[in-house]
Amino acid sequence: MDIKGLRQIVDQRKGQQEKLESIVAGIKKKLILTNRKLRHHEQAREVIREVGLATQKQLQVQISELTSLALESVFDNPYQLMVEFIERRNKTECDLYFERDGNKVDPLNSAGGGAVDVAAFALRVASWAMKRPRPRNILLLDEPFSRLKGKNANLRALQMVHQISKDLGIQVIMVSDERVDRDLIEQTADKVFDSRNDFS
C-alpha cells in the first residue's frame, strides 16, 4: 500500500475519531445535565417527603385531639384516639386505634359501639373542618349515637353536638331516637321536630 492510501486511511480514522469524540462530548454533556436533574429531583422528593411528614404530624394532632376531646366530653373514663401513619406496600396508610392506660384497643371489636359512635361523629367534624374550600356548613346525621348507652352519656353527646355546632358555625340536622327526656333535647337544639306530631 502506498503513502497516499495510508494517508486516506489515517484521515478516515481521524474523521471517525473526531466523530466519536464529538459523540462522547455530547454524552458527557447529557450526563452532566441528567445528574443535575437527578439531584434536583432528589431534593424535590426530599422536600415533598418532609412536607408529607409535617402534614401527617399535623393531621395526627388535629384528628386525635378533636376526637379525644369529643370522647372526654361524653365519657368519664374516655379512650384517647391515636392516629398512626405507617408505610405498607410502598404506600402510607393510617391506622386508628383507641388507647387507655397505655393499652391499645381495637375500636371496632373491643371498645363498645358508643365510643365508636362518638369518635365517628368527631372524625366527620374533623374531616369537614380540614377541607379547603369548606363545603356547606351542614352536617346531616341519622342517629349518630344509636349505640351510646345511658341517659347521662346521651345528654352529654347532645351537649357536645350543640357546642360544636355553635363554635364552628355548623348547622346539624340530626335524626335521633329519644334516649333522654324531650325537654333536655330541646335545651340542646334550636328546633325539634317530632315525627309523631309534626309530620302526620
N, C-alpha and C. Protein backbone atom coordinates (compact mmCIF):
# COMPACT_ATOMS: atom_id res chain seq x y z
N MET A 1 0.85 -1.17 0.00
CA MET A 1 0.00 0.00 0.00
C MET A 1 0.90 1.23 0.00
N ASP A 2 0.51 2.19 -0.81
CA ASP A 2 1.34 3.39 -0.92
C ASP A 2 0.99 4.42 0.14
N ILE A 3 1.77 5.47 0.19
CA ILE A 3 1.61 6.52 1.21
C ILE A 3 0.27 7.22 1.04
N LYS A 4 -0.15 7.40 -0.19
CA LYS A 4 -1.42 8.07 -0.44
C LYS A 4 -2.58 7.27 0.16
N GLY A 5 -2.54 5.96 0.00
CA GLY A 5 -3.57 5.09 0.55
C GLY A 5 -3.57 5.10 2.07
N LEU A 6 -2.35 5.08 2.65
CA LEU A 6 -2.23 5.13 4.10
C LEU A 6 -2.76 6.45 4.64
N ARG A 7 -2.45 7.56 3.91
CA ARG A 7 -2.93 8.86 4.33
C ARG A 7 -4.46 8.91 4.33
N GLN A 8 -5.07 8.29 3.33
CA GLN A 8 -6.54 8.26 3.27
C GLN A 8 -7.11 7.49 4.47
N ILE A 9 -6.47 6.37 4.79
CA ILE A 9 -6.92 5.56 5.93
C ILE A 9 -6.77 6.36 7.23
N VAL A 10 -5.62 7.04 7.39
CA VAL A 10 -5.37 7.85 8.58
C VAL A 10 -6.41 8.97 8.67
N ASP A 11 -6.68 9.64 7.52
CA ASP A 11 -7.68 10.71 7.50
C ASP A 11 -9.07 10.18 7.88
N GLN A 12 -9.40 9.00 7.35
CA GLN A 12 -10.70 8.39 7.69
C GLN A 12 -10.78 8.09 9.19
N ARG A 13 -9.69 7.54 9.72
CA ARG A 13 -9.67 7.22 11.15
C ARG A 13 -9.76 8.49 12.00
N LYS A 14 -9.06 9.55 11.54
CA LYS A 14 -9.14 10.82 12.27
C LYS A 14 -10.58 11.36 12.26
N GLY A 15 -11.20 11.25 11.11
CA GLY A 15 -12.61 11.68 11.00
C GLY A 15 -13.50 10.87 11.92
N GLN A 16 -13.29 9.55 11.94
CA GLN A 16 -14.06 8.69 12.83
C GLN A 16 -13.79 9.04 14.31
N GLN A 17 -12.51 9.31 14.62
CA GLN A 17 -12.14 9.67 15.97
C GLN A 17 -12.81 10.98 16.38
N GLU A 18 -12.76 11.97 15.50
CA GLU A 18 -13.39 13.26 15.80
C GLU A 18 -14.90 13.09 16.01
N LYS A 19 -15.48 12.25 15.16
CA LYS A 19 -16.93 12.00 15.29
C LYS A 19 -17.23 11.33 16.63
N LEU A 20 -16.41 10.32 16.98
CA LEU A 20 -16.60 9.63 18.25
C LEU A 20 -16.36 10.58 19.43
N GLU A 21 -15.33 11.45 19.32
CA GLU A 21 -15.07 12.42 20.39
C GLU A 21 -16.24 13.38 20.55
N SER A 22 -16.84 13.76 19.43
CA SER A 22 -18.00 14.65 19.48
C SER A 22 -19.18 13.95 20.14
N ILE A 23 -19.38 12.66 19.80
CA ILE A 23 -20.46 11.89 20.41
C ILE A 23 -20.22 11.75 21.92
N VAL A 24 -18.94 11.44 22.29
CA VAL A 24 -18.59 11.30 23.71
C VAL A 24 -18.82 12.62 24.44
N ALA A 25 -18.43 13.73 23.82
CA ALA A 25 -18.62 15.05 24.44
C ALA A 25 -20.11 15.33 24.65
N GLY A 26 -20.94 14.97 23.66
CA GLY A 26 -22.39 15.15 23.78
C GLY A 26 -22.96 14.29 24.89
N ILE A 27 -22.47 13.05 24.98
CA ILE A 27 -22.95 12.13 26.03
C ILE A 27 -22.54 12.67 27.41
N LYS A 28 -21.29 13.18 27.51
CA LYS A 28 -20.82 13.74 28.79
C LYS A 28 -21.69 14.93 29.19
N LYS A 29 -22.00 15.78 28.20
CA LYS A 29 -22.83 16.95 28.48
C LYS A 29 -24.22 16.51 28.96
N LYS A 30 -24.80 15.51 28.26
CA LYS A 30 -26.11 14.98 28.66
C LYS A 30 -26.04 14.36 30.06
N LEU A 31 -24.93 13.66 30.33
CA LEU A 31 -24.75 13.03 31.63
C LEU A 31 -24.69 14.08 32.75
N ILE A 32 -23.98 15.18 32.48
CA ILE A 32 -23.91 16.27 33.46
C ILE A 32 -25.31 16.84 33.71
N LEU A 33 -26.06 17.10 32.63
CA LEU A 33 -27.43 17.62 32.77
C LEU A 33 -28.34 16.63 33.49
N THR A 34 -28.20 15.35 33.13
CA THR A 34 -29.03 14.31 33.77
C THR A 34 -28.71 14.21 35.26
N ASN A 35 -27.42 14.27 35.61
CA ASN A 35 -27.04 14.22 37.02
C ASN A 35 -27.58 15.44 37.78
N ARG A 36 -27.55 16.60 37.12
CA ARG A 36 -28.08 17.81 37.74
C ARG A 36 -29.59 17.67 37.97
N LYS A 37 -30.30 17.16 36.94
CA LYS A 37 -31.75 16.94 37.08
C LYS A 37 -32.04 15.92 38.18
N LEU A 38 -31.22 14.87 38.22
CA LEU A 38 -31.40 13.85 39.24
C LEU A 38 -31.25 14.44 40.64
N ARG A 39 -30.23 15.28 40.83
CA ARG A 39 -30.05 15.93 42.13
C ARG A 39 -31.25 16.81 42.47
N HIS A 40 -31.76 17.55 41.47
CA HIS A 40 -32.94 18.40 41.69
C HIS A 40 -34.16 17.55 42.05
N HIS A 41 -34.33 16.43 41.35
CA HIS A 41 -35.45 15.54 41.65
C HIS A 41 -35.32 14.95 43.05
N GLU A 42 -34.09 14.58 43.42
CA GLU A 42 -33.89 14.02 44.76
C GLU A 42 -34.17 15.07 45.83
N GLN A 43 -33.72 16.32 45.56
CA GLN A 43 -34.00 17.40 46.51
C GLN A 43 -35.50 17.66 46.60
N ALA A 44 -36.17 17.67 45.44
CA ALA A 44 -37.62 17.89 45.43
C ALA A 44 -38.34 16.77 46.16
N ARG A 45 -37.89 15.54 45.93
CA ARG A 45 -38.51 14.40 46.61
C ARG A 45 -38.33 14.51 48.13
N GLU A 46 -37.17 14.97 48.56
CA GLU A 46 -36.91 15.14 49.99
C GLU A 46 -37.80 16.23 50.58
N VAL A 47 -37.97 17.33 49.83
CA VAL A 47 -38.87 18.40 50.29
C VAL A 47 -40.30 17.87 50.40
N ILE A 48 -40.74 17.13 49.38
CA ILE A 48 -42.09 16.55 49.40
C ILE A 48 -42.24 15.58 50.58
N ARG A 49 -41.20 14.79 50.82
CA ARG A 49 -41.25 13.84 51.95
C ARG A 49 -41.37 14.59 53.27
N GLU A 50 -40.58 15.67 53.43
CA GLU A 50 -40.63 16.45 54.67
C GLU A 50 -41.98 17.13 54.85
N VAL A 51 -42.52 17.68 53.74
CA VAL A 51 -43.85 18.31 53.81
C VAL A 51 -44.90 17.26 54.15
N GLY A 52 -44.78 16.09 53.53
CA GLY A 52 -45.72 15.00 53.82
C GLY A 52 -45.68 14.59 55.28
N LEU A 53 -44.46 14.47 55.84
CA LEU A 53 -44.33 14.10 57.25
C LEU A 53 -44.91 15.18 58.16
N ALA A 54 -44.64 16.45 57.82
CA ALA A 54 -45.19 17.56 58.61
C ALA A 54 -46.72 17.56 58.53
N THR A 55 -47.26 17.30 57.33
CA THR A 55 -48.72 17.25 57.15
C THR A 55 -49.31 16.10 57.94
N GLN A 56 -48.65 14.94 57.89
CA GLN A 56 -49.12 13.79 58.66
C GLN A 56 -49.12 14.11 60.15
N LYS A 57 -48.06 14.76 60.62
CA LYS A 57 -47.98 15.11 62.04
C LYS A 57 -49.12 16.05 62.42
N GLN A 58 -49.37 17.04 61.56
CA GLN A 58 -50.44 18.00 61.83
C GLN A 58 -51.80 17.29 61.83
N LEU A 59 -52.01 16.41 60.85
CA LEU A 59 -53.26 15.64 60.81
C LEU A 59 -53.41 14.77 62.04
N GLN A 60 -52.30 14.15 62.43
CA GLN A 60 -52.31 13.30 63.61
C GLN A 60 -52.80 14.07 64.82
N VAL A 61 -52.24 15.25 65.01
CA VAL A 61 -52.60 16.07 66.17
C VAL A 61 -54.05 16.52 66.07
N GLN A 62 -54.44 17.07 64.91
CA GLN A 62 -55.80 17.59 64.76
C GLN A 62 -56.85 16.50 64.95
N ILE A 63 -56.65 15.39 64.27
CA ILE A 63 -57.65 14.32 64.33
C ILE A 63 -57.72 13.73 65.73
N SER A 64 -56.56 13.39 66.31
CA SER A 64 -56.60 12.74 67.62
C SER A 64 -57.07 13.69 68.71
N GLU A 65 -56.66 14.96 68.64
CA GLU A 65 -57.09 15.90 69.68
C GLU A 65 -58.59 16.15 69.64
N LEU A 66 -59.12 16.42 68.45
CA LEU A 66 -60.55 16.71 68.34
C LEU A 66 -61.38 15.50 68.77
N THR A 67 -60.98 14.33 68.31
CA THR A 67 -61.75 13.13 68.63
C THR A 67 -61.62 12.78 70.11
N SER A 68 -60.42 12.93 70.66
CA SER A 68 -60.23 12.64 72.08
C SER A 68 -61.03 13.63 72.94
N LEU A 69 -61.09 14.89 72.53
CA LEU A 69 -61.91 15.87 73.26
C LEU A 69 -63.38 15.48 73.23
N ALA A 70 -63.84 15.02 72.08
CA ALA A 70 -65.25 14.58 71.98
C ALA A 70 -65.50 13.40 72.92
N LEU A 71 -64.58 12.45 72.95
CA LEU A 71 -64.74 11.30 73.84
C LEU A 71 -64.72 11.73 75.31
N GLU A 72 -63.84 12.69 75.63
CA GLU A 72 -63.77 13.19 77.01
C GLU A 72 -65.05 13.92 77.41
N SER A 73 -65.70 14.56 76.46
CA SER A 73 -66.91 15.31 76.80
C SER A 73 -68.11 14.39 77.05
N VAL A 74 -68.02 13.15 76.61
CA VAL A 74 -69.16 12.23 76.76
C VAL A 74 -68.91 11.18 77.86
N PHE A 75 -67.67 10.72 77.99
CA PHE A 75 -67.38 9.60 78.90
C PHE A 75 -66.53 10.06 80.09
N ASP A 76 -66.75 9.41 81.24
CA ASP A 76 -65.98 9.73 82.44
C ASP A 76 -64.56 9.16 82.38
N ASN A 77 -64.39 7.98 81.83
CA ASN A 77 -63.07 7.36 81.71
C ASN A 77 -62.82 7.09 80.22
N PRO A 78 -62.55 8.16 79.45
CA PRO A 78 -62.57 8.01 78.00
C PRO A 78 -61.31 7.37 77.43
N TYR A 79 -61.48 6.83 76.25
CA TYR A 79 -60.34 6.43 75.44
C TYR A 79 -59.74 7.68 74.81
N GLN A 80 -58.50 7.57 74.38
CA GLN A 80 -57.88 8.58 73.53
C GLN A 80 -57.79 7.96 72.14
N LEU A 81 -58.12 8.74 71.12
CA LEU A 81 -57.96 8.23 69.77
C LEU A 81 -56.52 8.47 69.34
N MET A 82 -55.87 7.43 68.87
CA MET A 82 -54.49 7.54 68.40
C MET A 82 -54.48 7.35 66.89
N VAL A 83 -53.66 8.15 66.24
CA VAL A 83 -53.53 8.12 64.78
C VAL A 83 -52.08 7.80 64.46
N GLU A 84 -51.88 6.78 63.64
CA GLU A 84 -50.53 6.38 63.27
C GLU A 84 -50.44 6.22 61.76
N PHE A 85 -49.46 6.88 61.15
CA PHE A 85 -49.22 6.73 59.72
C PHE A 85 -48.11 5.71 59.53
N ILE A 86 -48.39 4.68 58.72
CA ILE A 86 -47.47 3.56 58.55
C ILE A 86 -47.28 3.29 57.06
N GLU A 87 -46.03 2.99 56.68
CA GLU A 87 -45.73 2.61 55.30
C GLU A 87 -46.01 1.13 55.11
N ARG A 88 -46.90 0.83 54.17
CA ARG A 88 -47.20 -0.56 53.80
C ARG A 88 -47.30 -0.64 52.29
N ARG A 89 -46.63 -1.62 51.71
CA ARG A 89 -46.70 -1.84 50.26
C ARG A 89 -46.41 -0.55 49.49
N ASN A 90 -45.37 0.19 49.94
CA ASN A 90 -44.94 1.45 49.31
C ASN A 90 -46.01 2.53 49.32
N LYS A 91 -46.94 2.44 50.26
CA LYS A 91 -47.98 3.46 50.41
C LYS A 91 -48.10 3.81 51.89
N THR A 92 -48.50 5.04 52.15
CA THR A 92 -48.73 5.46 53.53
C THR A 92 -50.18 5.17 53.88
N GLU A 93 -50.37 4.42 54.95
CA GLU A 93 -51.71 4.11 55.43
C GLU A 93 -51.88 4.68 56.83
N CYS A 94 -53.12 4.91 57.21
CA CYS A 94 -53.43 5.50 58.50
C CYS A 94 -54.14 4.46 59.36
N ASP A 95 -53.57 4.19 60.53
CA ASP A 95 -54.21 3.29 61.50
C ASP A 95 -54.82 4.13 62.61
N LEU A 96 -56.05 3.82 62.96
CA LEU A 96 -56.72 4.48 64.07
C LEU A 96 -56.98 3.44 65.15
N TYR A 97 -56.66 3.79 66.37
CA TYR A 97 -56.97 2.89 67.47
C TYR A 97 -57.22 3.71 68.73
N PHE A 98 -57.91 3.10 69.68
CA PHE A 98 -58.13 3.73 70.97
C PHE A 98 -57.01 3.32 71.91
N GLU A 99 -56.72 4.22 72.86
CA GLU A 99 -55.74 3.90 73.88
C GLU A 99 -56.27 4.38 75.23
N ARG A 100 -56.09 3.55 76.23
CA ARG A 100 -56.45 3.94 77.60
C ARG A 100 -55.48 3.23 78.54
N ASP A 101 -54.91 4.00 79.44
CA ASP A 101 -53.94 3.46 80.42
C ASP A 101 -52.80 2.72 79.73
N GLY A 102 -52.36 3.24 78.59
CA GLY A 102 -51.23 2.63 77.88
C GLY A 102 -51.57 1.40 77.07
N ASN A 103 -52.83 1.00 77.04
CA ASN A 103 -53.23 -0.20 76.29
C ASN A 103 -53.92 0.19 75.00
N LYS A 104 -53.47 -0.42 73.90
CA LYS A 104 -54.13 -0.22 72.60
C LYS A 104 -55.40 -1.06 72.55
N VAL A 105 -56.44 -0.45 71.99
CA VAL A 105 -57.72 -1.15 71.87
C VAL A 105 -58.22 -0.99 70.45
N ASP A 106 -58.64 -2.08 69.85
CA ASP A 106 -59.25 -2.02 68.51
C ASP A 106 -60.65 -1.43 68.66
N PRO A 107 -60.90 -0.25 68.08
CA PRO A 107 -62.19 0.42 68.29
C PRO A 107 -63.40 -0.43 67.90
N LEU A 108 -63.32 -1.12 66.79
CA LEU A 108 -64.50 -1.82 66.28
C LEU A 108 -64.79 -3.12 67.01
N ASN A 109 -63.78 -3.73 67.59
CA ASN A 109 -64.00 -5.03 68.20
C ASN A 109 -63.97 -5.03 69.72
N SER A 110 -63.39 -4.00 70.33
CA SER A 110 -63.18 -4.07 71.77
C SER A 110 -63.68 -2.87 72.56
N ALA A 111 -64.03 -1.77 71.90
CA ALA A 111 -64.28 -0.54 72.65
C ALA A 111 -65.75 -0.31 72.98
N GLY A 112 -66.64 -0.95 72.32
CA GLY A 112 -68.06 -0.66 72.53
C GLY A 112 -68.55 0.32 71.49
N GLY A 113 -69.80 0.11 71.09
CA GLY A 113 -70.36 0.91 69.99
C GLY A 113 -70.52 2.38 70.30
N GLY A 114 -70.80 2.73 71.57
CA GLY A 114 -70.99 4.13 71.92
C GLY A 114 -69.74 4.95 71.69
N ALA A 115 -68.59 4.43 72.10
CA ALA A 115 -67.32 5.14 71.90
C ALA A 115 -67.02 5.29 70.41
N VAL A 116 -67.32 4.25 69.64
CA VAL A 116 -67.11 4.33 68.20
C VAL A 116 -68.03 5.37 67.57
N ASP A 117 -69.28 5.44 68.03
CA ASP A 117 -70.22 6.44 67.51
C ASP A 117 -69.71 7.86 67.76
N VAL A 118 -69.24 8.13 68.97
CA VAL A 118 -68.74 9.46 69.31
C VAL A 118 -67.50 9.78 68.49
N ALA A 119 -66.59 8.80 68.37
CA ALA A 119 -65.37 9.02 67.58
C ALA A 119 -65.72 9.25 66.11
N ALA A 120 -66.68 8.49 65.58
CA ALA A 120 -67.07 8.65 64.17
C ALA A 120 -67.65 10.04 63.93
N PHE A 121 -68.46 10.53 64.86
CA PHE A 121 -69.00 11.88 64.75
C PHE A 121 -67.86 12.90 64.72
N ALA A 122 -66.93 12.76 65.67
CA ALA A 122 -65.80 13.71 65.74
C ALA A 122 -64.94 13.65 64.49
N LEU A 123 -64.75 12.46 63.93
CA LEU A 123 -63.97 12.34 62.69
C LEU A 123 -64.68 13.03 61.52
N ARG A 124 -66.01 12.96 61.49
CA ARG A 124 -66.76 13.68 60.45
C ARG A 124 -66.54 15.18 60.57
N VAL A 125 -66.59 15.67 61.80
CA VAL A 125 -66.39 17.10 62.03
C VAL A 125 -64.95 17.49 61.66
N ALA A 126 -63.97 16.68 62.06
CA ALA A 126 -62.57 16.96 61.73
C ALA A 126 -62.36 16.97 60.23
N SER A 127 -62.96 16.02 59.53
CA SER A 127 -62.85 15.96 58.07
C SER A 127 -63.44 17.21 57.43
N TRP A 128 -64.60 17.62 57.93
CA TRP A 128 -65.24 18.84 57.40
C TRP A 128 -64.35 20.05 57.66
N ALA A 129 -63.79 20.14 58.86
CA ALA A 129 -63.00 21.31 59.26
C ALA A 129 -61.71 21.44 58.45
N MET A 130 -61.18 20.31 57.96
CA MET A 130 -59.90 20.35 57.23
C MET A 130 -60.07 20.60 55.74
N LYS A 131 -61.28 20.53 55.23
CA LYS A 131 -61.49 20.71 53.79
C LYS A 131 -61.30 22.17 53.40
N ARG A 132 -60.64 22.38 52.28
CA ARG A 132 -60.47 23.73 51.73
C ARG A 132 -60.77 23.68 50.24
N PRO A 133 -61.68 24.43 49.70
CA PRO A 133 -62.61 25.26 50.46
C PRO A 133 -63.60 24.37 51.18
N ARG A 134 -64.13 24.90 52.26
CA ARG A 134 -65.08 24.12 53.05
C ARG A 134 -66.40 23.99 52.30
N PRO A 135 -67.01 22.81 52.42
CA PRO A 135 -68.34 22.64 51.83
C PRO A 135 -69.36 23.41 52.67
N ARG A 136 -70.60 23.27 52.32
CA ARG A 136 -71.65 23.93 53.10
C ARG A 136 -71.54 23.57 54.57
N ASN A 137 -71.94 24.50 55.40
CA ASN A 137 -71.84 24.30 56.84
C ASN A 137 -73.02 23.50 57.39
N ILE A 138 -73.23 22.32 56.82
CA ILE A 138 -74.35 21.48 57.25
C ILE A 138 -73.85 20.05 57.42
N LEU A 139 -74.21 19.45 58.54
CA LEU A 139 -73.98 18.02 58.74
C LEU A 139 -75.33 17.34 58.89
N LEU A 140 -75.58 16.33 58.07
CA LEU A 140 -76.81 15.53 58.17
C LEU A 140 -76.44 14.21 58.84
N LEU A 141 -77.08 13.93 59.95
CA LEU A 141 -76.74 12.74 60.73
C LEU A 141 -77.99 11.92 61.03
N ASP A 142 -77.89 10.62 60.81
CA ASP A 142 -79.01 9.72 61.08
C ASP A 142 -78.64 8.86 62.29
N GLU A 143 -79.20 9.21 63.43
CA GLU A 143 -78.95 8.52 64.69
C GLU A 143 -77.46 8.24 64.91
N PRO A 144 -76.66 9.32 65.00
CA PRO A 144 -75.21 9.13 65.09
C PRO A 144 -74.75 8.46 66.39
N PHE A 145 -75.60 8.47 67.42
CA PHE A 145 -75.21 7.88 68.70
C PHE A 145 -76.12 6.72 69.08
N SER A 146 -76.53 5.95 68.09
CA SER A 146 -77.53 4.90 68.32
C SER A 146 -77.03 3.80 69.26
N ARG A 147 -75.72 3.64 69.39
CA ARG A 147 -75.20 2.58 70.27
C ARG A 147 -74.68 3.12 71.60
N LEU A 148 -74.89 4.41 71.81
CA LEU A 148 -74.44 5.04 73.06
C LEU A 148 -75.43 4.71 74.17
N LYS A 149 -74.93 4.16 75.27
CA LYS A 149 -75.82 3.71 76.35
C LYS A 149 -75.83 4.71 77.50
N GLY A 150 -76.98 4.83 78.13
CA GLY A 150 -77.11 5.65 79.32
C GLY A 150 -77.62 7.05 79.03
N LYS A 151 -78.54 7.49 79.87
CA LYS A 151 -79.16 8.80 79.71
C LYS A 151 -78.12 9.92 79.81
N ASN A 152 -77.23 9.80 80.79
CA ASN A 152 -76.23 10.84 81.03
C ASN A 152 -75.28 10.97 79.84
N ALA A 153 -74.79 9.85 79.31
CA ALA A 153 -73.87 9.88 78.17
C ALA A 153 -74.57 10.47 76.94
N ASN A 154 -75.84 10.12 76.74
CA ASN A 154 -76.58 10.66 75.60
C ASN A 154 -76.81 12.15 75.74
N LEU A 155 -77.10 12.62 76.95
CA LEU A 155 -77.27 14.05 77.17
C LEU A 155 -75.95 14.78 76.89
N ARG A 156 -74.85 14.22 77.38
CA ARG A 156 -73.54 14.84 77.15
C ARG A 156 -73.19 14.86 75.66
N ALA A 157 -73.59 13.82 74.94
CA ALA A 157 -73.35 13.79 73.49
C ALA A 157 -74.14 14.90 72.80
N LEU A 158 -75.40 15.09 73.20
CA LEU A 158 -76.20 16.17 72.61
C LEU A 158 -75.61 17.54 72.94
N GLN A 159 -75.12 17.70 74.17
CA GLN A 159 -74.49 18.97 74.55
C GLN A 159 -73.22 19.21 73.74
N MET A 160 -72.46 18.13 73.48
CA MET A 160 -71.25 18.24 72.68
C MET A 160 -71.60 18.68 71.25
N VAL A 161 -72.60 18.06 70.65
CA VAL A 161 -73.02 18.43 69.29
C VAL A 161 -73.44 19.89 69.26
N HIS A 162 -74.20 20.32 70.26
CA HIS A 162 -74.66 21.70 70.33
C HIS A 162 -73.47 22.66 70.40
N GLN A 163 -72.48 22.32 71.24
CA GLN A 163 -71.31 23.19 71.41
C GLN A 163 -70.48 23.25 70.13
N ILE A 164 -70.27 22.12 69.50
CA ILE A 164 -69.50 22.09 68.24
C ILE A 164 -70.23 22.89 67.17
N SER A 165 -71.55 22.73 67.11
CA SER A 165 -72.35 23.47 66.14
C SER A 165 -72.18 24.97 66.35
N LYS A 166 -72.22 25.38 67.60
CA LYS A 166 -72.10 26.80 67.93
C LYS A 166 -70.68 27.31 67.64
N ASP A 167 -69.66 26.57 68.08
CA ASP A 167 -68.27 27.02 67.95
C ASP A 167 -67.80 27.06 66.49
N LEU A 168 -68.22 26.08 65.69
CA LEU A 168 -67.74 26.01 64.31
C LEU A 168 -68.72 26.58 63.29
N GLY A 169 -69.89 26.95 63.75
CA GLY A 169 -70.89 27.50 62.82
C GLY A 169 -71.45 26.46 61.87
N ILE A 170 -71.59 25.24 62.35
CA ILE A 170 -72.15 24.16 61.53
C ILE A 170 -73.61 23.96 61.91
N GLN A 171 -74.47 23.87 60.91
CA GLN A 171 -75.86 23.51 61.18
C GLN A 171 -75.93 21.98 61.18
N VAL A 172 -76.39 21.44 62.29
CA VAL A 172 -76.50 19.98 62.41
C VAL A 172 -77.97 19.61 62.33
N ILE A 173 -78.30 18.78 61.35
CA ILE A 173 -79.65 18.23 61.22
C ILE A 173 -79.53 16.75 61.56
N MET A 174 -80.20 16.36 62.64
CA MET A 174 -79.94 15.04 63.18
C MET A 174 -81.24 14.31 63.48
N VAL A 175 -81.33 13.08 63.00
CA VAL A 175 -82.43 12.19 63.38
C VAL A 175 -81.97 11.48 64.64
N SER A 176 -82.84 11.46 65.64
CA SER A 176 -82.44 10.86 66.91
C SER A 176 -83.63 10.16 67.54
N ASP A 177 -83.36 8.97 68.07
CA ASP A 177 -84.38 8.36 68.90
C ASP A 177 -84.19 8.97 70.30
N GLU A 178 -85.27 9.12 71.02
CA GLU A 178 -85.19 9.83 72.29
C GLU A 178 -84.64 8.93 73.38
N ARG A 179 -83.39 9.17 73.74
CA ARG A 179 -82.75 8.44 74.83
C ARG A 179 -82.67 9.30 76.07
N VAL A 180 -83.06 10.57 75.93
CA VAL A 180 -83.15 11.48 77.07
C VAL A 180 -84.51 12.17 77.00
N ASP A 181 -84.88 12.81 78.07
CA ASP A 181 -86.18 13.48 78.11
C ASP A 181 -86.25 14.55 77.03
N ARG A 182 -87.45 14.73 76.51
CA ARG A 182 -87.66 15.69 75.41
C ARG A 182 -87.24 17.11 75.79
N ASP A 183 -87.52 17.52 77.03
CA ASP A 183 -87.14 18.88 77.42
C ASP A 183 -85.62 19.07 77.41
N LEU A 184 -84.87 18.01 77.69
CA LEU A 184 -83.42 18.09 77.62
C LEU A 184 -82.94 18.16 76.17
N ILE A 185 -83.62 17.45 75.29
CA ILE A 185 -83.30 17.54 73.86
C ILE A 185 -83.55 18.96 73.38
N GLU A 186 -84.65 19.54 73.80
CA GLU A 186 -84.99 20.90 73.36
C GLU A 186 -83.98 21.93 73.87
N GLN A 187 -83.36 21.65 75.02
CA GLN A 187 -82.34 22.58 75.54
C GLN A 187 -81.07 22.58 74.70
N THR A 188 -80.80 21.48 74.00
CA THR A 188 -79.56 21.38 73.22
C THR A 188 -79.81 21.56 71.73
N ALA A 189 -81.01 21.90 71.33
CA ALA A 189 -81.32 22.07 69.90
C ALA A 189 -82.03 23.40 69.68
N ASP A 190 -81.84 23.96 68.49
CA ASP A 190 -82.55 25.19 68.14
C ASP A 190 -84.00 24.89 67.79
N LYS A 191 -84.21 23.72 67.18
CA LYS A 191 -85.56 23.35 66.77
C LYS A 191 -85.68 21.83 66.82
N VAL A 192 -86.82 21.36 67.30
CA VAL A 192 -87.05 19.92 67.39
C VAL A 192 -88.35 19.60 66.67
N PHE A 193 -88.30 18.61 65.80
CA PHE A 193 -89.49 18.10 65.12
C PHE A 193 -89.78 16.71 65.66
N ASP A 194 -91.02 16.45 65.97
CA ASP A 194 -91.44 15.14 66.45
C ASP A 194 -92.19 14.47 65.30
N SER A 195 -91.66 13.37 64.80
CA SER A 195 -92.29 12.71 63.65
C SER A 195 -93.71 12.24 63.96
N ARG A 196 -94.01 11.99 65.21
CA ARG A 196 -95.36 11.52 65.58
C ARG A 196 -96.38 12.66 65.49
N ASN A 197 -95.92 13.90 65.74
CA ASN A 197 -96.87 15.02 65.78
C ASN A 197 -96.69 15.99 64.61
N ASP A 198 -95.43 16.29 64.28
CA ASP A 198 -95.16 17.35 63.30
C ASP A 198 -95.32 16.93 61.85
N PHE A 199 -95.26 15.64 61.56
CA PHE A 199 -95.31 15.19 60.17
C PHE A 199 -96.50 14.31 59.87
N SER A 200 -97.48 14.28 60.74
CA SER A 200 -98.64 13.41 60.47
C SER A 200 -99.72 14.17 59.73
